[in-house]
Amino acid sequence: MRIADGLGVPRGLMGLSYGEPGAYGGQVTVANPSEGVDEDMLRRQAIELGAGLALGAPAAKLAQLLERLELPDPPPVPVPTGLSYVHVTKVQDLTRRLGEDHRAYGPDPEMCSFTAAWATRLLDVPGTEPVKRALKVAVAELHLQAGWAGTDAGLYDQALHHCGRALKLGTEAGDAYCQAVALNRAGLATVEHGDPNEGLKLLQVGTVTALNIPQDEPRAVVVGGSGKAAVQAIALVDSATALADLDEPEKAKAELARSRELWQPNPTDTHGDLDRPAAVLELEQGKLDAAEPFAAASVRRWEGVSRNGRAASAVVLATVYIRAGEPRGLKLAHSAITAAAKLTSFRVRQRLVPLYTALDSRPGSDHRELARIARQVAAMRA
């Protein structure tokens, strides 16, 4: 009777039409929860809500119940009492899934930071030395993913925080791979934050640190190849970006050439692009014929591997075509802008600035309209 009356449901629907209203203690209504919400209250409110849904109570009544269902924040989940390799595997799987989501949709810095904070709590749990070391490496790699998400989202402080944590854990675990990648990513974030001189220093230290990576390091490459060479090559590519920002184009080209001597990514490698930085360097120097094959190769490199990476390369390729006045430019620009708008990557949207500048410089209403859309997408924070 209390449930029926509180929800405004006819008693007959619940088989309660017999008897007087006070047969079970008088007319009963749903009371507001008291100041202290105990388990009995929560259970009673849940029953009332479930009964209302089952009986098709008016939406307004259900909304009132939901508003009164004052759930307290749950207590912190306790950490395990002991570590095992299952915890290491769990952290590794989370890192892999966050990386997959990043490549598909762009960065999610909030989720990455939250996950890294959770995993870091595990480091205080007792465990054997081999498990503790493996966990430090796994958590360091998770911080690397969080740092990369911060860089791609344009959050410099967050990027540096996570790269710093990864460097510390990598040093404690004696893992040269994590140390070198942390330095490299901190360096690139610093370059893109507007300080290429300091960023170059970090990248140079990362390149030297990478010399300590074992030759057969499997990370950073999916099939075959050497993770050591991949880390070194990517550091050189990022150094080339810093040198270009420092107005040293010839030194930048020399670093790009050195990177190609060290490593070429396989089609399935999820990290590293030697072609897009080369395309950007040529584009910034106005060498459109030289930039086009690099940009096109970069688009092909990320096809089926990373929508995030492909969109960044597609924007560069479209910029080359628009600046060259090629007929295909408008179609490529429209496709690139659309792809960028579907991602959460600040870095991809920033690449739209040269594109809409090039569009504005071309005659015709179609170019101006695309420039307007690109400008809106570039200014959006996802």
Protein backbone atom coordinates (compact mmCIF):
# COMPACT_ATOMS: atom_id res chain seq x y z
CA MET A 1 0.00 0.00 0.00
CA ARG A 2 2.84 2.39 0.83
CA ILE A 3 4.52 1.80 -2.53
CA ALA A 4 1.24 2.12 -4.47
CA ASP A 5 0.15 5.31 -2.70
CA GLY A 6 3.56 6.92 -2.87
CA LEU A 7 3.82 6.38 -6.62
CA GLY A 8 0.22 7.21 -7.40
CA VAL A 9 -0.46 3.69 -8.69
CA PRO A 10 -4.07 2.43 -8.32
CA ARG A 11 -4.16 -0.13 -5.51
CA GLY A 12 -6.12 -2.54 -7.69
CA LEU A 13 -3.05 -3.07 -9.88
CA MET A 14 -1.29 -4.49 -6.86
CA GLY A 15 -4.22 -6.48 -5.52
CA LEU A 16 -4.77 -4.01 -2.68
CA SER A 17 -8.23 -2.65 -3.58
CA TYR A 18 -9.90 -4.47 -0.71
CA GLY A 19 -10.16 -3.08 2.81
CA GLU A 20 -10.07 0.42 4.14
CA PRO A 21 -7.20 2.84 3.47
CA GLY A 22 -6.09 2.40 7.05
CA ALA A 23 -6.11 -1.39 6.99
CA TYR A 24 -2.33 -1.43 7.16
CA GLY A 25 -1.87 1.53 9.43
CA GLY A 26 -3.57 4.36 7.50
CA GLN A 27 -2.76 6.30 4.35
CA VAL A 28 0.98 6.09 3.83
CA THR A 29 3.17 8.35 1.70
CA VAL A 30 6.84 8.23 0.78
CA ALA A 31 8.77 10.30 3.29
CA ASN A 32 11.87 12.31 2.49
CA PRO A 33 15.02 10.48 3.58
CA SER A 34 16.45 11.52 6.89
CA GLU A 35 19.74 13.32 7.32
CA GLY A 36 21.60 10.07 7.83
CA VAL A 37 21.00 7.56 5.04
CA ASP A 38 21.45 4.00 6.26
CA GLU A 39 21.39 0.68 4.39
CA ASP A 40 17.73 0.04 5.22
CA MET A 41 16.76 3.40 3.75
CA LEU A 42 18.75 2.78 0.58
CA ARG A 43 17.24 -0.67 0.21
CA ARG A 44 13.72 0.67 0.74
CA GLN A 45 14.20 3.45 -1.80
CA ALA A 46 15.56 0.98 -4.36
CA ILE A 47 12.52 -1.27 -3.87
CA GLU A 48 10.18 1.68 -4.33
CA LEU A 49 11.93 2.72 -7.52
CA GLY A 50 11.92 -0.82 -8.90
CA ALA A 51 8.23 -1.26 -8.11
CA GLY A 52 7.42 2.01 -9.85
CA LEU A 53 9.28 0.96 -12.98
CA ALA A 54 7.55 -2.43 -12.98
CA LEU A 55 4.09 -0.88 -12.63
CA GLY A 56 4.58 1.95 -15.10
CA ALA A 57 4.37 4.78 -12.60
CA PRO A 58 4.21 8.31 -14.01
CA ALA A 59 7.63 9.66 -15.00
CA ALA A 60 7.25 12.65 -12.67
CA LYS A 61 6.82 10.38 -9.67
CA LEU A 62 9.88 8.33 -10.63
CA ALA A 63 11.89 11.52 -11.09
CA GLN A 64 10.94 12.60 -7.57
CA LEU A 65 12.08 9.26 -6.21
CA LEU A 66 15.40 9.50 -8.04
CA GLU A 67 15.97 12.95 -6.60
CA ARG A 68 15.36 11.64 -3.09
CA LEU A 69 17.62 8.62 -3.57
CA GLU A 70 20.57 10.27 -1.84
CA LEU A 71 23.44 7.84 -2.23
CA PRO A 72 26.56 8.67 -0.21
CA ASP A 73 29.98 8.45 -1.86
CA PRO A 74 31.36 4.92 -1.53
CA PRO A 75 34.41 4.40 0.66
CA PRO A 76 37.79 3.97 -1.10
CA VAL A 77 38.33 0.50 -2.52
CA PRO A 78 41.07 -1.21 -0.49
CA VAL A 79 44.26 -2.19 -2.28
CA PRO A 80 45.23 -5.88 -2.46
CA THR A 81 47.05 -7.39 0.48
CA GLY A 82 49.73 -8.84 -1.79
CA LEU A 83 50.97 -8.52 -5.36
CA SER A 84 51.09 -11.18 -8.05
CA TYR A 85 51.70 -11.16 -11.78
CA VAL A 86 47.96 -10.82 -12.36
CA HIS A 87 48.26 -7.20 -11.21
CA VAL A 88 51.10 -6.63 -13.67
CA THR A 89 49.05 -8.12 -16.50
CA LYS A 90 46.04 -6.02 -15.55
CA VAL A 91 48.06 -2.79 -15.73
CA GLN A 92 49.57 -3.84 -19.07
CA ASP A 93 46.13 -4.59 -20.50
CA LEU A 94 44.80 -1.22 -19.36
CA THR A 95 47.74 0.53 -21.04
CA ARG A 96 47.12 -1.38 -24.26
CA ARG A 97 43.42 -0.52 -24.29
CA LEU A 98 44.05 3.15 -23.57
CA GLY A 99 46.51 3.20 -26.46
CA GLU A 100 43.95 1.60 -28.78
CA ASP A 101 41.34 4.17 -27.80
CA HIS A 102 43.84 6.98 -28.33
CA ARG A 103 44.59 5.82 -31.85
CA ALA A 104 40.90 5.43 -32.65
CA TYR A 105 39.38 8.53 -31.05
CA GLY A 106 42.19 10.77 -29.85
CA PRO A 107 43.49 11.27 -26.32
CA ASP A 108 41.53 10.85 -23.11
CA PRO A 109 43.86 12.53 -20.60
CA GLU A 110 41.40 12.40 -17.72
CA MET A 111 40.89 8.63 -17.97
CA CYS A 112 44.62 8.05 -18.45
CA SER A 113 45.53 10.09 -15.38
CA PHE A 114 42.84 8.41 -13.29
CA THR A 115 44.05 4.96 -14.34
CA ALA A 116 47.69 5.85 -13.72
CA ALA A 117 46.81 7.10 -10.22
CA TRP A 118 45.01 3.83 -9.48
CA ALA A 119 47.93 1.74 -10.72
CA THR A 120 50.45 3.81 -8.77
CA ARG A 121 48.66 2.84 -5.53
CA LEU A 122 49.62 -0.78 -6.20
CA LEU A 123 53.31 0.07 -5.85
CA ASP A 124 52.90 0.27 -2.05
CA VAL A 125 51.54 -3.28 -1.83
CA PRO A 126 53.96 -5.98 -0.60
CA GLY A 127 55.26 -8.44 -3.16
CA THR A 128 58.31 -10.38 -4.29
CA GLU A 129 61.12 -8.41 -5.92
CA PRO A 130 60.53 -9.80 -9.46
CA VAL A 131 56.83 -8.90 -9.27
CA LYS A 132 57.54 -5.47 -7.81
CA ARG A 133 60.03 -4.70 -10.58
CA ALA A 134 57.64 -5.92 -13.31
CA LEU A 135 54.88 -3.79 -11.79
CA LYS A 136 57.12 -0.69 -11.73
CA VAL A 137 57.81 -1.15 -15.43
CA ALA A 138 54.12 -1.71 -16.20
CA VAL A 139 53.08 1.38 -14.22
CA ALA A 140 55.85 3.41 -15.89
CA GLU A 141 54.46 2.43 -19.30
CA LEU A 142 50.98 3.44 -18.15
CA HIS A 143 52.38 6.85 -17.14
CA LEU A 144 54.01 7.08 -20.58
CA GLN A 145 50.59 6.56 -22.16
CA ALA A 146 49.10 9.20 -19.84
CA GLY A 147 51.92 11.58 -20.72
CA TRP A 148 51.34 11.07 -24.42
CA ALA A 149 47.63 11.71 -23.91
CA GLY A 150 48.50 14.97 -22.15
CA THR A 151 50.77 16.02 -25.02
CA ASP A 152 48.18 15.19 -27.67
CA ALA A 153 45.50 17.04 -25.68
CA GLY A 154 47.69 20.14 -25.36
CA LEU A 155 48.06 19.74 -21.58
CA TYR A 156 51.75 20.41 -21.04
CA ASP A 157 51.79 20.21 -17.23
CA GLN A 158 50.00 16.88 -17.28
CA ALA A 159 52.36 15.54 -19.94
CA LEU A 160 55.43 16.52 -17.93
CA HIS A 161 54.00 15.11 -14.70
CA HIS A 162 53.42 11.66 -16.17
CA CYS A 163 56.70 11.61 -18.10
CA GLY A 164 58.47 12.48 -14.86
CA ARG A 165 56.76 9.64 -13.00
CA ALA A 166 57.63 7.23 -15.81
CA LEU A 167 61.27 8.36 -15.74
CA LYS A 168 61.46 7.87 -11.95
CA LEU A 169 59.91 4.40 -12.06
CA GLY A 170 62.00 3.40 -15.06
CA THR A 171 65.14 4.47 -13.23
CA GLU A 172 64.15 2.55 -10.07
CA ALA A 173 63.44 -0.57 -12.14
CA GLY A 174 66.60 -0.17 -14.22
CA ASP A 175 64.53 -0.06 -17.43
CA ALA A 176 66.38 1.98 -20.05
CA TYR A 177 63.48 1.80 -22.50
CA CYS A 178 61.08 3.61 -20.15
CA GLN A 179 63.76 6.14 -19.25
CA ALA A 180 64.53 6.99 -22.88
CA VAL A 181 60.89 7.18 -23.99
CA ALA A 182 60.01 9.37 -20.99
CA LEU A 183 62.81 11.80 -21.87
CA ASN A 184 61.86 11.80 -25.55
CA ARG A 185 58.18 12.49 -24.90
CA ALA A 186 58.96 15.16 -22.32
CA GLY A 187 61.25 16.73 -24.90
CA LEU A 188 58.63 16.72 -27.66
CA ALA A 189 56.01 18.15 -25.29
CA THR A 190 58.44 20.93 -24.39
CA VAL A 191 59.16 21.66 -28.06
CA GLU A 192 55.47 21.85 -28.90
CA HIS A 193 54.84 24.00 -25.83
CA GLY A 194 57.04 26.64 -27.43
CA ASP A 195 60.50 25.98 -25.97
CA PRO A 196 62.45 24.09 -28.68
CA ASN A 197 65.83 24.81 -27.10
CA GLU A 198 65.01 23.11 -23.78
CA GLY A 199 63.05 20.41 -25.58
CA LEU A 200 66.06 19.62 -27.78
CA LYS A 201 68.21 19.15 -24.68
CA LEU A 202 65.78 16.59 -23.29
CA LEU A 203 65.64 14.80 -26.63
CA GLN A 204 69.43 14.66 -26.86
CA VAL A 205 69.62 13.15 -23.37
CA GLY A 206 66.92 10.67 -24.40
CA THR A 207 68.92 9.70 -27.49
CA VAL A 208 71.99 8.98 -25.36
CA THR A 209 69.91 7.08 -22.78
CA ALA A 210 68.50 4.90 -25.58
CA LEU A 211 72.01 3.52 -26.15
CA ASN A 212 71.49 1.48 -22.96
CA ILE A 213 68.39 -0.27 -24.32
CA PRO A 214 69.09 -3.95 -25.10
CA GLN A 215 69.47 -4.62 -28.81
CA ASP A 216 66.63 -7.15 -28.81
CA GLU A 217 64.15 -4.87 -26.98
CA PRO A 218 60.69 -5.90 -28.33
CA ARG A 219 58.74 -2.83 -27.21
CA ALA A 220 57.90 0.00 -29.66
CA VAL A 221 57.77 -2.43 -32.58
CA VAL A 222 55.07 -4.99 -33.25
CA VAL A 223 56.72 -7.43 -35.65
CA GLY A 224 60.46 -7.83 -35.99
CA GLY A 225 62.93 -4.97 -35.85
CA SER A 226 64.51 -3.46 -32.79
CA GLY A 227 62.84 -1.35 -30.15
CA LYS A 228 66.20 0.24 -29.43
CA ALA A 229 66.53 1.49 -33.01
CA ALA A 230 62.90 2.66 -33.01
CA VAL A 231 63.35 4.77 -29.86
CA GLN A 232 66.57 6.27 -31.21
CA ALA A 233 65.01 7.05 -34.59
CA ILE A 234 61.91 8.68 -33.10
CA ALA A 235 64.12 10.81 -30.83
CA LEU A 236 66.06 12.00 -33.89
CA VAL A 237 62.82 12.84 -35.73
CA ASP A 238 61.56 14.87 -32.79
CA SER A 239 64.97 16.55 -32.56
CA ALA A 240 64.53 17.53 -36.21
CA THR A 241 61.25 19.22 -35.29
CA ALA A 242 63.03 21.18 -32.56
CA LEU A 243 65.85 22.18 -34.92
CA ALA A 244 63.34 23.35 -37.53
CA ASP A 245 61.68 25.53 -34.88
CA LEU A 246 65.14 26.92 -34.07
CA ASP A 247 65.52 27.86 -37.76
CA GLU A 248 68.11 25.16 -38.45
CA PRO A 249 66.53 23.39 -41.47
CA GLU A 250 69.72 21.74 -42.72
CA LYS A 251 70.51 20.26 -39.31
CA ALA A 252 66.90 19.11 -39.11
CA LYS A 253 67.21 17.30 -42.45
CA ALA A 254 70.41 15.66 -41.28
CA GLU A 255 68.61 14.27 -38.21
CA LEU A 256 65.79 12.98 -40.38
CA ALA A 257 68.30 11.23 -42.62
CA ARG A 258 69.99 9.63 -39.60
CA SER A 259 66.63 8.38 -38.34
CA ARG A 260 65.94 6.57 -41.63
CA GLU A 261 69.32 4.87 -41.47
CA LEU A 262 68.42 3.48 -38.05
CA TRP A 263 64.82 2.31 -38.49
CA GLN A 264 61.81 2.12 -40.75
CA PRO A 265 58.41 1.38 -39.17
CA ASN A 266 56.55 -1.76 -40.18
CA PRO A 267 52.96 -1.23 -41.39
CA THR A 268 51.62 -2.54 -38.08
CA ASP A 269 53.88 -0.49 -35.77
CA THR A 270 51.74 1.74 -33.57
CA HIS A 271 54.47 4.31 -32.83
CA GLY A 272 56.71 6.44 -34.96
CA ASP A 273 56.36 8.33 -38.24
CA LEU A 274 59.41 9.45 -40.18
CA ASP A 275 57.46 10.92 -43.11
CA ARG A 276 55.12 13.51 -41.58
CA PRO A 277 57.90 15.56 -39.92
CA ALA A 278 59.77 15.51 -43.22
CA ALA A 279 56.64 16.71 -45.03
CA VAL A 280 56.11 19.52 -42.51
CA LEU A 281 59.73 20.62 -42.83
CA GLU A 282 59.51 20.82 -46.62
CA LEU A 283 56.11 22.51 -46.43
CA GLU A 284 57.38 25.20 -44.07
CA GLN A 285 60.17 25.93 -46.54
CA GLY A 286 57.66 26.23 -49.37
CA LYS A 287 58.97 23.11 -51.16
CA LEU A 288 55.58 21.66 -52.06
CA ASP A 289 56.83 19.12 -54.61
CA ALA A 290 59.19 17.67 -52.01
CA ALA A 291 56.54 17.73 -49.25
CA GLU A 292 53.79 15.91 -51.18
CA PRO A 293 55.32 12.40 -51.38
CA PHE A 294 56.27 12.48 -47.69
CA ALA A 295 52.75 13.56 -46.67
CA ALA A 296 51.13 10.93 -48.90
CA ALA A 297 53.42 8.22 -47.50
CA SER A 298 52.49 9.30 -43.96
CA VAL A 299 48.77 8.99 -44.74
CA ARG A 300 49.39 5.46 -46.07
CA ARG A 301 51.55 4.63 -43.06
CA TRP A 302 48.67 5.20 -40.61
CA GLU A 303 45.90 3.66 -42.73
CA GLY A 304 44.24 0.94 -40.66
CA VAL A 305 46.64 1.59 -37.74
CA SER A 306 45.61 4.91 -36.22
CA ARG A 307 42.77 7.23 -37.19
CA ASN A 308 44.41 9.85 -35.01
CA GLY A 309 47.71 9.56 -36.87
CA ARG A 310 46.06 9.39 -40.27
CA ALA A 311 44.02 12.54 -39.64
CA ALA A 312 47.14 14.51 -38.70
CA SER A 313 48.87 13.40 -41.90
CA ALA A 314 45.76 14.03 -44.01
CA VAL A 315 45.69 17.64 -42.81
CA VAL A 316 49.32 18.11 -43.87
CA LEU A 317 48.66 16.54 -47.27
CA ALA A 318 45.58 18.73 -47.82
CA THR A 319 47.60 21.83 -46.91
CA VAL A 320 50.18 20.93 -49.56
CA TYR A 321 47.48 20.53 -52.23
CA ILE A 322 45.66 23.74 -51.31
CA ARG A 323 48.86 25.78 -51.33
CA ALA A 324 49.78 24.29 -54.70
CA GLY A 325 46.33 25.13 -56.12
CA GLU A 326 45.66 21.50 -57.07
CA PRO A 327 42.04 20.64 -58.02
CA ARG A 328 41.95 17.75 -55.52
CA GLY A 329 42.79 20.13 -52.70
CA LEU A 330 39.22 21.04 -51.76
CA LYS A 331 38.14 17.40 -51.50
CA LEU A 332 41.20 16.48 -49.46
CA ALA A 333 40.72 19.51 -47.20
CA HIS A 334 37.07 18.68 -46.56
CA SER A 335 37.94 15.08 -45.70
CA ALA A 336 40.82 16.12 -43.41
CA ILE A 337 38.74 18.72 -41.55
CA THR A 338 35.94 16.20 -41.05
CA ALA A 339 38.39 13.61 -39.70
CA ALA A 340 39.94 16.15 -37.31
CA ALA A 341 36.52 17.17 -35.99
CA LYS A 342 35.82 13.56 -34.96
CA LEU A 343 38.89 13.36 -32.74
CA THR A 344 39.81 14.75 -29.34
CA SER A 345 43.38 15.55 -30.41
CA PHE A 346 44.50 19.14 -29.81
CA ARG A 347 47.61 18.48 -31.89
CA VAL A 348 45.57 17.41 -34.93
CA ARG A 349 43.35 20.48 -34.66
CA GLN A 350 46.40 22.72 -34.35
CA ARG A 351 47.57 21.40 -37.70
CA LEU A 352 44.44 22.92 -39.19
CA VAL A 353 45.87 26.43 -38.70
CA PRO A 354 48.19 26.27 -41.76
CA LEU A 355 45.36 24.61 -43.68
CA TYR A 356 42.76 27.32 -43.09
CA THR A 357 45.41 29.96 -43.72
CA ALA A 358 46.08 28.35 -47.10
CA LEU A 359 42.34 28.09 -47.81
CA ASP A 360 41.86 31.78 -47.01
CA SER A 361 44.54 32.67 -49.53
CA ARG A 362 42.72 30.93 -52.42
CA PRO A 363 39.89 32.59 -54.36
CA GLY A 364 36.32 31.26 -54.30
CA SER A 365 33.50 30.84 -51.83
CA ASP A 366 34.17 27.11 -51.39
CA HIS A 367 37.65 27.82 -50.10
CA ARG A 368 36.37 30.51 -47.75
CA GLU A 369 33.63 28.26 -46.37
CA LEU A 370 36.07 25.44 -45.70
CA ALA A 371 38.44 27.91 -44.07
CA ARG A 372 35.62 29.01 -41.77
CA ILE A 373 34.81 25.42 -40.77
CA ALA A 374 38.48 24.57 -40.25
CA ARG A 375 38.90 27.62 -38.04
CA GLN A 376 35.95 26.54 -35.90
CA VAL A 377 37.31 23.01 -35.52
CA ALA A 378 40.79 24.30 -34.69
CA ALA A 379 39.39 26.49 -31.91
CA MET A 380 37.35 23.68 -30.37
CA ARG A 381 38.56 21.88 -27.24
CA ALA A 382 37.18 18.37 -27.22
